[in-house]
Amino acid sequence: MAGNITFTMIKPDAVAQGFIGPILTKFNEGGYIVRAMKYTRLSQLQAEAFYAVHQGKPFFEGLVGFMSSGPIVACILEKENAVESFREFIGATDPAKAPEGSIRKLYGSSIQKNAVHGSDCDENAVIESNFFFSRFERF
């Protein structure tokens, strides 16, 4: 059974370009309810911990450097079948391959600078939410 929460981050590129408001508006228009939100900045160690699953891959160091390069907005979103629907909603990792009107097509500029992160499964949505928000409970 699919869960009703997902985790997302508005990445440093989108924050630096002033896209927080438009992206949050898109979340709302897509029927996602923001249940928790935090404006913060990842240290290099926090970024390494968050993306530990990618450690040893060629893109890991660049990803960690990018994600710790500026502020991010972490959010827990609620909607039925949240993870799957959100991943479709934000579009492909590569903004050039994302559907017109999707968040990544509108606000992303590359595979790394693709504006937003989205959890890839229900289990990771909870793990990622707990990384940023204490005492997170399923809604």
Protein backbone atom coordinates (compact mmCIF):
# COMPACT_ATOMS: atom_id res chain seq x y z
CA MET A 1 0.00 0.00 0.00
CA ALA A 2 1.36 3.40 -0.96
CA GLY A 3 1.94 5.97 1.76
CA ASN A 4 0.57 9.45 1.94
CA ILE A 5 3.77 11.40 2.63
CA THR A 6 6.86 12.22 0.66
CA PHE A 7 9.96 14.26 1.31
CA THR A 8 11.31 16.97 -0.95
CA MET A 9 14.04 19.57 -0.90
CA ILE A 10 14.14 22.73 -2.94
CA LYS A 11 17.80 22.61 -3.93
CA PRO A 12 20.40 25.41 -3.63
CA ASP A 13 20.12 26.36 -7.32
CA ALA A 14 16.38 27.00 -7.11
CA VAL A 15 16.69 28.81 -3.77
CA ALA A 16 19.45 31.08 -5.13
CA GLN A 17 17.33 31.95 -8.17
CA GLY A 18 14.34 32.95 -6.02
CA PHE A 19 12.12 30.02 -6.98
CA ILE A 20 10.95 29.01 -3.46
CA GLY A 21 7.57 30.76 -3.82
CA PRO A 22 6.77 29.54 -7.33
CA ILE A 23 7.77 25.96 -6.44
CA LEU A 24 5.67 25.97 -3.27
CA THR A 25 2.77 27.30 -5.35
CA LYS A 26 3.24 24.40 -7.78
CA PHE A 27 3.13 21.96 -4.84
CA ASN A 28 -0.17 23.50 -3.76
CA GLU A 29 -1.58 23.45 -7.30
CA GLY A 30 -0.64 19.76 -7.53
CA GLY A 31 -2.73 18.98 -4.45
CA TYR A 32 0.20 18.49 -2.06
CA ILE A 33 -0.23 19.71 1.51
CA VAL A 34 2.93 21.00 3.19
CA ARG A 35 3.01 19.29 6.61
CA ALA A 36 6.48 20.48 7.63
CA MET A 37 8.93 22.94 6.14
CA LYS A 38 12.41 24.15 7.08
CA TYR A 39 14.77 26.66 5.48
CA THR A 40 18.28 25.46 6.30
CA ARG A 41 21.73 24.80 4.93
CA LEU A 42 23.41 21.40 4.85
CA SER A 43 26.99 21.17 6.06
CA GLN A 44 29.30 18.99 4.00
CA LEU A 45 29.01 16.25 6.65
CA GLN A 46 25.21 16.44 6.64
CA ALA A 47 25.12 16.26 2.83
CA GLU A 48 27.47 13.24 2.93
CA ALA A 49 25.19 11.54 5.46
CA PHE A 50 22.00 12.33 3.53
CA TYR A 51 23.44 11.02 0.25
CA ALA A 52 25.46 8.17 1.81
CA VAL A 53 23.69 5.67 -0.47
CA HIS A 54 25.63 7.23 -3.37
CA GLN A 55 29.04 7.14 -1.67
CA GLY A 56 31.70 5.75 -4.01
CA LYS A 57 29.82 6.76 -7.16
CA PRO A 58 31.57 9.17 -9.53
CA PHE A 59 29.06 11.97 -8.90
CA PHE A 60 29.08 11.75 -5.08
CA GLU A 61 31.63 14.49 -4.32
CA GLY A 62 30.03 16.91 -6.77
CA LEU A 63 26.59 16.19 -5.35
CA VAL A 64 27.76 16.77 -1.76
CA GLY A 65 29.54 19.97 -2.76
CA PHE A 66 26.49 21.27 -4.60
CA MET A 67 24.00 20.36 -1.87
CA SER A 68 26.12 22.09 0.79
CA SER A 69 26.75 25.17 -1.39
CA GLY A 70 23.74 27.17 -0.23
CA PRO A 71 20.41 27.09 1.59
CA ILE A 72 17.73 24.52 0.84
CA VAL A 73 14.07 24.20 1.80
CA ALA A 74 13.16 20.79 3.23
CA CYS A 75 9.48 19.79 3.14
CA ILE A 76 7.24 16.93 4.09
CA LEU A 77 4.32 16.78 1.69
CA GLU A 78 1.06 14.89 2.04
CA LYS A 79 -1.14 13.48 -0.70
CA GLU A 80 -2.55 10.07 -1.53
CA ASN A 81 0.15 7.87 -3.12
CA ALA A 82 2.56 10.74 -2.41
CA VAL A 83 5.93 9.30 -3.48
CA GLU A 84 4.90 7.95 -6.86
CA SER A 85 2.65 10.88 -7.73
CA PHE A 86 5.28 13.45 -6.67
CA ARG A 87 8.06 11.86 -8.71
CA GLU A 88 5.82 12.01 -11.77
CA PHE A 89 4.76 15.57 -10.86
CA ILE A 90 8.33 16.96 -10.63
CA GLY A 91 9.48 15.33 -13.87
CA ALA A 92 12.59 13.45 -14.97
CA THR A 93 15.91 14.00 -13.19
CA ASP A 94 17.21 15.57 -16.40
CA PRO A 95 15.15 18.75 -16.91
CA ALA A 96 15.65 18.45 -20.69
CA LYS A 97 13.68 15.17 -20.56
CA ALA A 98 11.02 16.38 -18.08
CA PRO A 99 7.49 17.05 -19.31
CA GLU A 100 6.44 20.62 -20.10
CA GLY A 101 5.05 22.34 -17.02
CA SER A 102 6.82 20.03 -14.54
CA ILE A 103 8.88 21.61 -11.76
CA ARG A 104 12.17 20.34 -13.13
CA LYS A 105 11.36 21.53 -16.66
CA LEU A 106 10.36 24.97 -15.36
CA TYR A 107 13.09 25.52 -12.75
CA GLY A 108 15.92 23.02 -13.38
CA SER A 109 18.97 23.59 -15.54
CA SER A 110 20.88 20.27 -15.40
CA ILE A 111 20.72 16.76 -13.95
CA GLN A 112 22.38 18.01 -10.75
CA LYS A 113 20.75 21.45 -10.69
CA ASN A 114 17.25 20.12 -11.21
CA ALA A 115 15.53 22.35 -8.61
CA VAL A 116 14.05 19.67 -6.33
CA HIS A 117 14.75 16.33 -4.69
CA GLY A 118 11.97 13.77 -4.35
CA SER A 119 11.96 10.58 -2.29
CA ASP A 120 12.16 7.40 -4.37
CA CYS A 121 10.09 5.11 -2.13
CA ASP A 122 7.83 5.23 0.93
CA GLU A 123 10.57 3.90 3.22
CA ASN A 124 13.03 6.59 2.10
CA ALA A 125 10.35 9.28 2.46
CA VAL A 126 10.20 8.47 6.17
CA ILE A 127 14.00 8.16 6.54
CA GLU A 128 14.59 11.46 4.73
CA SER A 129 11.84 13.22 6.68
CA ASN A 130 13.38 12.04 9.94
CA PHE A 131 16.78 13.36 8.80
CA PHE A 132 15.41 16.92 8.85
CA PHE A 133 12.46 16.84 11.25
CA SER A 134 12.56 15.50 14.80
CA ARG A 135 9.72 13.40 16.10
CA PHE A 136 8.26 12.94 12.64
CA GLU A 137 5.21 10.72 12.71
CA ARG A 138 3.22 9.38 9.79
CA PHE A 139 0.20 11.51 9.05
